[in-house]
């Protein structure tokens, strides 16, 4: 008998390598996508914020100031309606 006849085949580790490698590759690509997606989101948010600020400067600040919201609401909802609404709430609570 020769040495060739006595050789046994080795175990096939191809699947044992490919499955964890595929999972590792998937996780690496997912991580890259999440990091780049987060950076893209931050960049987009900064650009939109700058566009809103720029628009506010050009239009004289109309619609961009938080201090102005209360006065606009007071003009939009007359005080008599608010007082009538409070009276109806009080009447409902008393009954």
PDB file of N, CA and C in Angstrom:
ATOM      1  N   UNK A   1       0.821  -1.166   0.000  1.00  0.00           N
ATOM      2  CA  UNK A   1       0.000   0.000   0.000  1.00  0.00           C
ATOM      3  C   UNK A   1       0.878   1.247   0.000  1.00  0.00           C
ATOM      4  N   UNK A   2       0.408   2.198  -0.690  1.00  0.00           N
ATOM      5  CA  UNK A   2       1.146   3.437  -0.734  1.00  0.00           C
ATOM      6  C   UNK A   2       0.564   4.421   0.290  1.00  0.00           C
ATOM      7  N   UNK A   3       1.249   5.547   0.468  1.00  0.00           N
ATOM      8  CA  UNK A   3       0.786   6.571   1.417  1.00  0.00           C
ATOM      9  C   UNK A   3      -0.531   7.208   0.962  1.00  0.00           C
ATOM     10  N   UNK A   4      -0.703   7.252  -0.350  1.00  0.00           N
ATOM     11  CA  UNK A   4      -1.910   7.859  -0.891  1.00  0.00           C
ATOM     12  C   UNK A   4      -3.154   7.071  -0.493  1.00  0.00           C
ATOM     13  N   UNK A   5      -3.092   5.812  -0.409  1.00  0.00           N
ATOM     14  CA  UNK A   5      -4.246   4.995  -0.038  1.00  0.00           C
ATOM     15  C   UNK A   5      -4.586   5.148   1.447  1.00  0.00           C
ATOM     16  N   UNK A   6      -3.618   5.478   2.254  1.00  0.00           N
ATOM     17  CA  UNK A   6      -3.855   5.557   3.699  1.00  0.00           C
ATOM     18  C   UNK A   6      -4.310   6.947   4.142  1.00  0.00           C
ATOM     19  N   UNK A   7      -4.245   7.952   3.277  1.00  0.00           N
ATOM     20  CA  UNK A   7      -4.649   9.306   3.672  1.00  0.00           C
ATOM     21  C   UNK A   7      -6.166   9.386   3.863  1.00  0.00           C
ATOM     22  N   UNK A   8      -6.552  10.026   4.905  1.00  0.00           N
ATOM     23  CA  UNK A   8      -7.978  10.240   5.153  1.00  0.00           C
ATOM     24  C   UNK A   8      -8.313  11.695   4.806  1.00  0.00           C
ATOM     25  N   UNK A   9      -9.543  11.907   4.456  1.00  0.00           N
ATOM     26  CA  UNK A   9      -9.942  13.279   4.123  1.00  0.00           C
ATOM     27  C   UNK A   9     -10.080  14.090   5.414  1.00  0.00           C
ATOM     28  N   UNK A  10      -9.804  15.380   5.308  1.00  0.00           N
ATOM     29  CA  UNK A  10      -9.924  16.262   6.465  1.00  0.00           C
ATOM     30  C   UNK A  10     -11.361  16.756   6.566  1.00  0.00           C
ATOM     31  N   UNK A  11     -11.695  17.248   7.738  1.00  0.00           N
ATOM     32  CA  UNK A  11     -13.049  17.747   7.927  1.00  0.00           C
ATOM     33  C   UNK A  11     -13.247  19.024   7.121  1.00  0.00           C
ATOM     34  N   UNK A  12     -14.455  19.212   6.679  1.00  0.00           N
ATOM     35  CA  UNK A  12     -14.794  20.381   5.883  1.00  0.00           C
ATOM     36  C   UNK A  12     -15.261  21.501   6.824  1.00  0.00           C
ATOM     37  N   UNK A  13     -14.441  22.526   6.978  1.00  0.00           N
ATOM     38  CA  UNK A  13     -14.758  23.652   7.844  1.00  0.00           C
ATOM     39  C   UNK A  13     -15.258  24.865   7.057  1.00  0.00           C
ATOM     40  N   UNK A  14     -15.625  24.669   5.821  1.00  0.00           N
ATOM     41  CA  UNK A  14     -16.048  25.794   4.992  1.00  0.00           C
ATOM     42  C   UNK A  14     -17.292  26.473   5.565  1.00  0.00           C
ATOM     43  N   UNK A  15     -18.314  25.699   5.888  1.00  0.00           N
ATOM     44  CA  UNK A  15     -19.545  26.285   6.444  1.00  0.00           C
ATOM     45  C   UNK A  15     -19.300  26.916   7.810  1.00  0.00           C
ATOM     46  N   UNK A  16     -18.451  26.291   8.604  1.00  0.00           N
ATOM     47  CA  UNK A  16     -18.148  26.824   9.927  1.00  0.00           C
ATOM     48  C   UNK A  16     -17.416  28.167   9.819  1.00  0.00           C
ATOM     49  N   UNK A  17     -16.727  28.399   8.720  1.00  0.00           N
ATOM     50  CA  UNK A  17     -16.068  29.683   8.497  1.00  0.00           C
ATOM     51  C   UNK A  17     -17.020  30.697   7.868  1.00  0.00           C
ATOM     52  N   UNK A  18     -17.784  30.267   6.877  1.00  0.00           N
ATOM     53  CA  UNK A  18     -18.603  31.201   6.109  1.00  0.00           C
ATOM     54  C   UNK A  18     -19.749  31.799   6.917  1.00  0.00           C
ATOM     55  N   UNK A  19     -20.358  31.023   7.776  1.00  0.00           N
ATOM     56  CA  UNK A  19     -21.499  31.544   8.541  1.00  0.00           C
ATOM     57  C   UNK A  19     -21.091  32.660   9.504  1.00  0.00           C
ATOM     58  N   UNK A  20     -20.073  32.484  10.360  1.00  0.00           N
ATOM     59  CA  UNK A  20     -19.677  33.610  11.217  1.00  0.00           C
ATOM     60  C   UNK A  20     -19.096  34.787  10.420  1.00  0.00           C
ATOM     61  N   UNK A  21     -18.401  34.475   9.322  1.00  0.00           N
ATOM     62  CA  UNK A  21     -17.857  35.551   8.505  1.00  0.00           C
ATOM     63  C   UNK A  21     -18.984  36.378   7.886  1.00  0.00           C
ATOM     64  N   UNK A  22     -20.042  35.717   7.423  1.00  0.00           N
ATOM     65  CA  UNK A  22     -21.183  36.441   6.866  1.00  0.00           C
ATOM     66  C   UNK A  22     -21.858  37.308   7.914  1.00  0.00           C
ATOM     67  N   UNK A  23     -22.003  36.776   9.128  1.00  0.00           N
ATOM     68  CA  UNK A  23     -22.599  37.550  10.220  1.00  0.00           C
ATOM     69  C   UNK A  23     -21.713  38.744  10.585  1.00  0.00           C
ATOM     70  N   UNK A  24     -20.410  38.518  10.652  1.00  0.00           N
ATOM     71  CA  UNK A  24     -19.478  39.599  10.951  1.00  0.00           C
ATOM     72  C   UNK A  24     -19.504  40.666   9.860  1.00  0.00           C
ATOM     73  N   UNK A  25     -19.553  40.259   8.613  1.00  0.00           N
ATOM     74  CA  UNK A  25     -19.615  41.208   7.504  1.00  0.00           C
ATOM     75  C   UNK A  25     -20.902  42.024   7.545  1.00  0.00           C
ATOM     76  N   UNK A  26     -22.011  41.350   7.852  1.00  0.00           N
ATOM     77  CA  UNK A  26     -23.294  42.045   7.975  1.00  0.00           C
ATOM     78  C   UNK A  26     -23.243  43.089   9.088  1.00  0.00           C
ATOM     79  N   UNK A  27     -22.685  42.732  10.230  1.00  0.00           N
ATOM     80  CA  UNK A  27     -22.613  43.658  11.352  1.00  0.00           C
ATOM     81  C   UNK A  27     -21.679  44.828  11.042  1.00  0.00           C
ATOM     82  N   UNK A  28     -20.593  44.582  10.322  1.00  0.00           N
ATOM     83  CA  UNK A  28     -19.698  45.678   9.939  1.00  0.00           C
ATOM     84  C   UNK A  28     -20.400  46.641   8.996  1.00  0.00           C
ATOM     85  N   UNK A  29     -21.104  46.122   8.008  1.00  0.00           N
ATOM     86  CA  UNK A  29     -21.811  46.980   7.067  1.00  0.00           C
ATOM     87  C   UNK A  29     -22.951  47.743   7.747  1.00  0.00           C
ATOM     88  N   UNK A  30     -23.639  47.087   8.669  1.00  0.00           N
ATOM     89  CA  UNK A  30     -24.706  47.740   9.422  1.00  0.00           C
ATOM     90  C   UNK A  30     -24.147  48.878  10.280  1.00  0.00           C
ATOM     91  N   UNK A  31     -23.012  48.641  10.919  1.00  0.00           N
ATOM     92  CA  UNK A  31     -22.379  49.676  11.736  1.00  0.00           C
ATOM     93  C   UNK A  31     -21.971  50.874  10.881  1.00  0.00           C
ATOM     94  N   UNK A  32     -21.378  50.598   9.728  1.00  0.00           N
ATOM     95  CA  UNK A  32     -20.978  51.679   8.827  1.00  0.00           C
ATOM     96  C   UNK A  32     -22.203  52.473   8.375  1.00  0.00           C
ATOM     97  N   UNK A  33     -23.279  51.764   8.034  1.00  0.00           N
ATOM     98  CA  UNK A  33     -24.500  52.440   7.583  1.00  0.00           C
ATOM     99  C   UNK A  33     -25.095  53.292   8.701  1.00  0.00           C
ATOM    100  N   UNK A  34     -25.082  52.786   9.929  1.00  0.00           N
ATOM    101  CA  UNK A  34     -25.637  53.556  11.047  1.00  0.00           C
ATOM    102  C   UNK A  34     -24.810  54.795  11.347  1.00  0.00           C
ATOM    103  N   UNK A  35     -23.498  54.675  11.305  1.00  0.00           N
ATOM    104  CA  UNK A  35     -22.642  55.829  11.574  1.00  0.00           C
ATOM    105  C   UNK A  35     -22.813  56.875  10.474  1.00  0.00           C
ATOM    106  N   UNK A  36     -22.766  56.442   9.224  1.00  0.00           N
ATOM    107  CA  UNK A  36     -22.928  57.391   8.123  1.00  0.00           C
ATOM    108  C   UNK A  36     -24.340  57.981   8.106  1.00  0.00           C
ATOM    109  N   UNK A  37     -25.340  57.179   8.451  1.00  0.00           N
ATOM    110  CA  UNK A  37     -26.711  57.685   8.522  1.00  0.00           C
ATOM    111  C   UNK A  37     -26.866  58.727   9.615  1.00  0.00           C
ATOM    112  N   UNK A  38     -26.231  58.501  10.755  1.00  0.00           N
ATOM    113  CA  UNK A  38     -26.278  59.480  11.838  1.00  0.00           C
ATOM    114  C   UNK A  38     -25.600  60.778  11.446  1.00  0.00           C
ATOM    115  N   UNK A  39     -24.451  60.660  10.784  1.00  0.00           N
ATOM    116  CA  UNK A  39     -23.764  61.865  10.318  1.00  0.00           C
ATOM    117  C   UNK A  39     -24.600  62.599   9.275  1.00  0.00           C
ATOM    118  N   UNK A  40     -25.245  61.844   8.395  1.00  0.00           N
ATOM    119  CA  UNK A  40     -26.097  62.454   7.369  1.00  0.00           C
ATOM    120  C   UNK A  40     -27.274  63.188   8.025  1.00  0.00           C
ATOM    121  N   UNK A  41     -27.843  62.574   9.065  1.00  0.00           N
ATOM    122  CA  UNK A  41     -28.962  63.192   9.767  1.00  0.00           C
ATOM    123  C   UNK A  41     -28.521  64.495  10.434  1.00  0.00           C
ATOM    124  N   UNK A  42     -27.359  64.485  11.091  1.00  0.00           N
ATOM    125  CA  UNK A  42     -26.866  65.699  11.738  1.00  0.00           C
ATOM    126  C   UNK A  42     -26.568  66.792  10.718  1.00  0.00           C
ATOM    127  N   UNK A  43     -25.970  66.426   9.602  1.00  0.00           N
ATOM    128  CA  UNK A  43     -25.671  67.398   8.559  1.00  0.00           C
ATOM    129  C   UNK A  43     -26.954  67.997   7.986  1.00  0.00           C
ATOM    130  N   UNK A  44     -27.935  67.142   7.728  1.00  0.00           N
ATOM    131  CA  UNK A  44     -29.205  67.617   7.190  1.00  0.00           C
ATOM    132  C   UNK A  44     -29.907  68.536   8.193  1.00  0.00           C
ATOM    133  N   UNK A  45     -29.904  68.176   9.466  1.00  0.00           N
ATOM    134  CA  UNK A  45     -30.543  69.011  10.490  1.00  0.00           C
ATOM    135  C   UNK A  45     -29.856  70.374  10.585  1.00  0.00           C
ATOM    136  N   UNK A  46     -28.526  70.390  10.515  1.00  0.00           N
ATOM    137  CA  UNK A  46     -27.800  71.661  10.574  1.00  0.00           C
ATOM    138  C   UNK A  46     -28.116  72.529   9.357  1.00  0.00           C
ATOM    139  N   UNK A  47     -28.196  71.909   8.191  1.00  0.00           N
ATOM    140  CA  UNK A  47     -28.509  72.677   6.986  1.00  0.00           C
ATOM    141  C   UNK A  47     -29.927  73.237   7.020  1.00  0.00           C
ATOM    142  N   UNK A  48     -30.874  72.445   7.472  1.00  0.00           N
ATOM    143  CA  UNK A  48     -32.262  72.924   7.563  1.00  0.00           C
ATOM    144  C   UNK A  48     -32.352  74.061   8.574  1.00  0.00           C
ATOM    145  N   UNK A  49     -31.637  73.930   9.689  1.00  0.00           N
ATOM    146  CA  UNK A  49     -31.631  74.991  10.682  1.00  0.00           C
ATOM    147  C   UNK A  49     -31.053  76.277  10.091  1.00  0.00           C
ATOM    148  N   UNK A  50     -29.978  76.169   9.337  1.00  0.00           N
ATOM    149  CA  UNK A  50     -29.386  77.358   8.722  1.00  0.00           C
ATOM    150  C   UNK A  50     -30.328  77.971   7.683  1.00  0.00           C
ATOM    151  N   UNK A  51     -31.029  77.118   6.936  1.00  0.00           N
ATOM    152  CA  UNK A  51     -31.984  77.644   5.960  1.00  0.00           C
ATOM    153  C   UNK A  51     -33.124  78.402   6.635  1.00  0.00           C
ATOM    154  N   UNK A  52     -33.614  77.853   7.753  1.00  0.00           N
ATOM    155  CA  UNK A  52     -34.691  78.527   8.482  1.00  0.00           C
ATOM    156  C   UNK A  52     -34.190  79.855   9.042  1.00  0.00           C
ATOM    157  N   UNK A  53     -32.981  79.858   9.594  1.00  0.00           N
ATOM    158  CA  UNK A  53     -32.409  81.096  10.127  1.00  0.00           C
ATOM    159  C   UNK A  53     -32.198  82.119   9.026  1.00  0.00           C
ATOM    160  N   UNK A  54     -31.681  81.682   7.904  1.00  0.00           N
ATOM    161  CA  UNK A  54     -31.442  82.564   6.764  1.00  0.00           C
ATOM    162  C   UNK A  54     -32.757  83.156   6.256  1.00  0.00           C
ATOM    163  N   UNK A  55     -33.783  82.304   6.164  1.00  0.00           N
ATOM    164  CA  UNK A  55     -35.098  82.778   5.723  1.00  0.00           C
ATOM    165  C   UNK A  55     -35.647  83.810   6.701  1.00  0.00           C
ATOM    166  N   UNK A  56     -35.456  83.581   7.991  1.00  0.00           N
ATOM    167  CA  UNK A  56     -35.930  84.525   8.998  1.00  0.00           C
ATOM    168  C   UNK A  56     -35.232  85.862   8.903  1.00  0.00           C
ATOM    169  N   UNK A  57     -33.937  85.846   8.609  1.00  0.00           N
ATOM    170  CA  UNK A  57     -33.204  87.111   8.470  1.00  0.00           C
ATOM    171  C   UNK A  57     -33.675  87.881   7.246  1.00  0.00           C
ATOM    172  N   UNK A  58     -33.927  87.156   6.169  1.00  0.00           N
ATOM    173  CA  UNK A  58     -34.346  87.822   4.932  1.00  0.00           C
ATOM    174  C   UNK A  58     -35.751  88.387   5.076  1.00  0.00           C
ATOM    175  N   UNK A  59     -36.636  87.664   5.725  1.00  0.00           N
ATOM    176  CA  UNK A  59     -38.014  88.118   5.862  1.00  0.00           C
ATOM    177  C   UNK A  59     -38.220  89.012   7.078  1.00  0.00           C
ATOM    178  N   UNK A  60     -37.173  89.401   7.711  1.00  0.00           N
ATOM    179  CA  UNK A  60     -37.286  90.311   8.854  1.00  0.00           C
ATOM    180  C   UNK A  60     -37.671  89.624  10.138  1.00  0.00           C
ATOM    181  N   UNK A  61     -37.452  88.344  10.255  1.00  0.00           N
ATOM    182  CA  UNK A  61     -37.712  87.623  11.484  1.00  0.00           C
ATOM    183  C   UNK A  61     -39.137  87.173  11.671  1.00  0.00           C
ATOM    184  N   UNK A  62     -40.016  87.432  10.713  1.00  0.00           N
ATOM    185  CA  UNK A  62     -41.409  87.037  10.882  1.00  0.00           C
ATOM    186  C   UNK A  62     -41.524  85.517  10.901  1.00  0.00           C
ATOM    187  N   UNK A  63     -42.126  84.986  11.937  1.00  0.00           N
ATOM    188  CA  UNK A  63     -42.355  83.549  12.019  1.00  0.00           C
ATOM    189  C   UNK A  63     -41.191  82.761  12.566  1.00  0.00           C
ATOM    190  N   UNK A  64     -40.139  83.421  13.016  1.00  0.00           N
ATOM    191  CA  UNK A  64     -38.973  82.700  13.501  1.00  0.00           C
ATOM    192  C   UNK A  64     -38.658  82.994  14.955  1.00  0.00           C
ATOM    193  N   UNK A  65     -39.392  83.884  15.588  1.00  0.00           N
ATOM    194  CA  UNK A  65     -39.095  84.275  16.956  1.00  0.00           C
ATOM    195  C   UNK A  65     -40.055  83.592  17.911  1.00  0.00           C
ATOM    196  N   UNK A  66     -39.502  82.963  18.927  1.00  0.00           N
ATOM    197  CA  UNK A  66     -40.343  82.296  19.913  1.00  0.00           C
ATOM    198  C   UNK A  66     -41.047  83.271  20.830  1.00  0.00           C
ATOM    199  N   UNK A  67     -40.511  84.498  21.005  1.00  0.00           N
ATOM    200  CA  UNK A  67     -41.120  85.491  21.885  1.00  0.00           C
ATOM    201  C   UNK A  67     -42.435  86.023  21.325  1.00  0.00           C
ATOM    202  N   UNK A  68     -42.583  85.929  20.038  1.00  0.00           N
ATOM    203  CA  UNK A  68     -43.742  86.511  19.371  1.00  0.00           C
ATOM    204  C   UNK A  68     -44.965  85.593  19.397  1.00  0.00           C
ATOM    205  N   UNK A  69     -44.780  84.345  19.777  1.00  0.00           N
ATOM    206  CA  UNK A  69     -45.864  83.363  19.686  1.00  0.00           C
ATOM    207  C   UNK A  69     -47.017  83.718  20.624  1.00  0.00           C
ATOM    208  N   UNK A  70     -46.703  84.137  21.846  1.00  0.00           N
ATOM    209  CA  UNK A  70     -47.762  84.471  22.800  1.00  0.00           C
ATOM    210  C   UNK A  70     -48.645  85.605  22.324  1.00  0.00           C
ATOM    211  N   UNK A  71     -48.051  86.645  21.773  1.00  0.00           N
ATOM    212  CA  UNK A  71     -48.856  87.781  21.316  1.00  0.00           C
ATOM    213  C   UNK A  71     -49.712  87.387  20.117  1.00  0.00           C
ATOM    214  N   UNK A  72     -49.199  86.514  19.273  1.00  0.00           N
ATOM    215  CA  UNK A  72     -50.014  86.059  18.136  1.00  0.00           C
ATOM    216  C   UNK A  72     -51.207  85.235  18.611  1.00  0.00           C
ATOM    217  N   UNK A  73     -50.995  84.412  19.626  1.00  0.00           N
ATOM    218  CA  UNK A  73     -52.105  83.605  20.150  1.00  0.00           C
ATOM    219  C   UNK A  73     -53.161  84.503  20.791  1.00  0.00           C
ATOM    220  N   UNK A  74     -52.734  85.535  21.480  1.00  0.00           N
ATOM    221  CA  UNK A  74     -53.702  86.436  22.094  1.00  0.00           C
ATOM    222  C   UNK A  74     -54.527  87.154  21.037  1.00  0.00           C
ATOM    223  N   UNK A  75     -53.915  87.501  19.929  1.00  0.00           N
ATOM    224  CA  UNK A  75     -54.682  88.131  18.852  1.00  0.00           C
ATOM    225  C   UNK A  75     -55.603  87.125  18.172  1.00  0.00           C
ATOM    226  N   UNK A  76     -55.184  85.877  18.102  1.00  0.00           N
ATOM    227  CA  UNK A  76     -55.972  84.867  17.401  1.00  0.00           C
ATOM    228  C   UNK A  76     -57.174  84.416  18.223  1.00  0.00           C
ATOM    229  N   UNK A  77     -57.030  84.349  19.552  1.00  0.00           N
ATOM    230  CA  UNK A  77     -58.119  83.900  20.422  1.00  0.00           C
ATOM    231  C   UNK A  77     -58.544  85.080  21.285  1.00  0.00           C
ATOM    232  N   UNK A  78     -59.694  85.655  21.036  1.00  0.00           N
ATOM    233  CA  UNK A  78     -60.145  86.795  21.844  1.00  0.00           C
ATOM    234  C   UNK A  78     -60.304  86.406  23.312  1.00  0.00           C
ATOM    235  N   UNK A  79     -60.060  87.378  24.201  1.00  0.00           N
ATOM    236  CA  UNK A  79     -60.095  87.118  25.635  1.00  0.00           C
ATOM    237  C   UNK A  79     -61.482  86.693  26.096  1.00  0.00           C
ATOM    238  N   UNK A  80     -62.545  87.221  25.497  1.00  0.00           N
ATOM    239  CA  UNK A  80     -63.894  86.846  25.924  1.00  0.00           C
ATOM    240  C   UNK A  80     -64.137  85.358  25.699  1.00  0.00           C
ATOM    241  N   UNK A  81     -63.555  84.784  24.628  1.00  0.00           N
ATOM    242  CA  UNK A  81     -63.724  83.352  24.389  1.00  0.00           C
ATOM    243  C   UNK A  81     -63.015  82.534  25.459  1.00  0.00           C
ATOM    244  N   UNK A  82     -61.848  83.007  25.878  1.00  0.00           N
ATOM    245  CA  UNK A  82     -61.097  82.296  26.910  1.00  0.00           C
ATOM    246  C   UNK A  82     -61.841  82.365  28.238  1.00  0.00           C
ATOM    247  N   UNK A  83     -62.392  83.533  28.576  1.00  0.00           N
ATOM    248  CA  UNK A  83     -63.122  83.671  29.824  1.00  0.00           C
ATOM    249  C   UNK A  83     -64.396  82.834  29.807  1.00  0.00           C
ATOM    250  N   UNK A  84     -65.079  82.799  28.669  1.00  0.00           N
ATOM    251  CA  UNK A  84     -66.274  81.965  28.563  1.00  0.00           C
ATOM    252  C   UNK A  84     -65.944  80.488  28.695  1.00  0.00           C
ATOM    253  N   UNK A  85     -64.812  80.093  28.146  1.00  0.00           N
ATOM    254  CA  UNK A  85     -64.374  78.703  28.239  1.00  0.00           C
ATOM    255  C   UNK A  85     -64.052  78.345  29.690  1.00  0.00           C
ATOM    256  N   UNK A  86     -63.388  79.275  30.410  1.00  0.00           N
ATOM    257  CA  UNK A  86     -63.079  79.029  31.817  1.00  0.00           C
ATOM    258  C   UNK A  86     -64.354  78.930  32.638  1.00  0.00           C
ATOM    259  N   UNK A  87     -65.346  79.761  32.317  1.00  0.00           N
ATOM    260  CA  UNK A  87     -66.618  79.727  33.058  1.00  0.00           C
ATOM    261  C   UNK A  87     -67.330  78.393  32.830  1.00  0.00           C
ATOM    262  N   UNK A  88     -67.289  77.896  31.595  1.00  0.00           N
ATOM    263  CA  UNK A  88     -67.935  76.588  31.326  1.00  0.00           C
ATOM    264  C   UNK A  88     -67.224  75.456  32.038  1.00  0.00           C
ATOM    265  N   UNK A  89     -65.916  75.532  32.125  1.00  0.00           N
ATOM    266  CA  UNK A  89     -65.171  74.494  32.850  1.00  0.00           C
ATOM    267  C   UNK A  89     -65.526  74.533  34.329  1.00  0.00           C
ATOM    268  N   UNK A  90     -65.576  75.757  34.899  1.00  0.00           N
ATOM    269  CA  UNK A  90     -65.916  75.903  36.324  1.00  0.00           C
ATOM    270  C   UNK A  90     -67.326  75.395  36.587  1.00  0.00           C
ATOM    271  N   UNK A  91     -68.286  75.704  35.687  1.00  0.00           N
ATOM    272  CA  UNK A  91     -69.653  75.232  35.869  1.00  0.00           C
ATOM    273  C   UNK A  91     -69.726  73.711  35.791  1.00  0.00           C
ATOM    274  N   UNK A  92     -68.963  73.123  34.928  1.00  0.00           N
ATOM    275  CA  UNK A  92     -68.972  71.668  34.804  1.00  0.00           C
ATOM    276  C   UNK A  92     -68.371  71.018  36.054  1.00  0.00           C
ATOM    277  N   UNK A  93     -67.358  71.653  36.616  1.00  0.00           N
ATOM    278  CA  UNK A  93     -66.744  71.097  37.831  1.00  0.00           C
ATOM    279  C   UNK A  93     -67.650  71.251  39.044  1.00  0.00           C
ATOM    280  N   UNK A  94     -68.417  72.325  39.077  1.00  0.00           N
ATOM    281  CA  UNK A  94     -69.315  72.539  40.215  1.00  0.00           C
ATOM    282  C   UNK A  94     -70.508  71.594  40.195  1.00  0.00           C
ATOM    283  N   UNK A  95     -70.929  71.183  39.023  1.00  0.00           N
ATOM    284  CA  UNK A  95     -72.134  70.327  38.972  1.00  0.00           C
ATOM    285  C   UNK A  95     -71.798  68.875  39.172  1.00  0.00           C
TER     286      UNK A  95
END
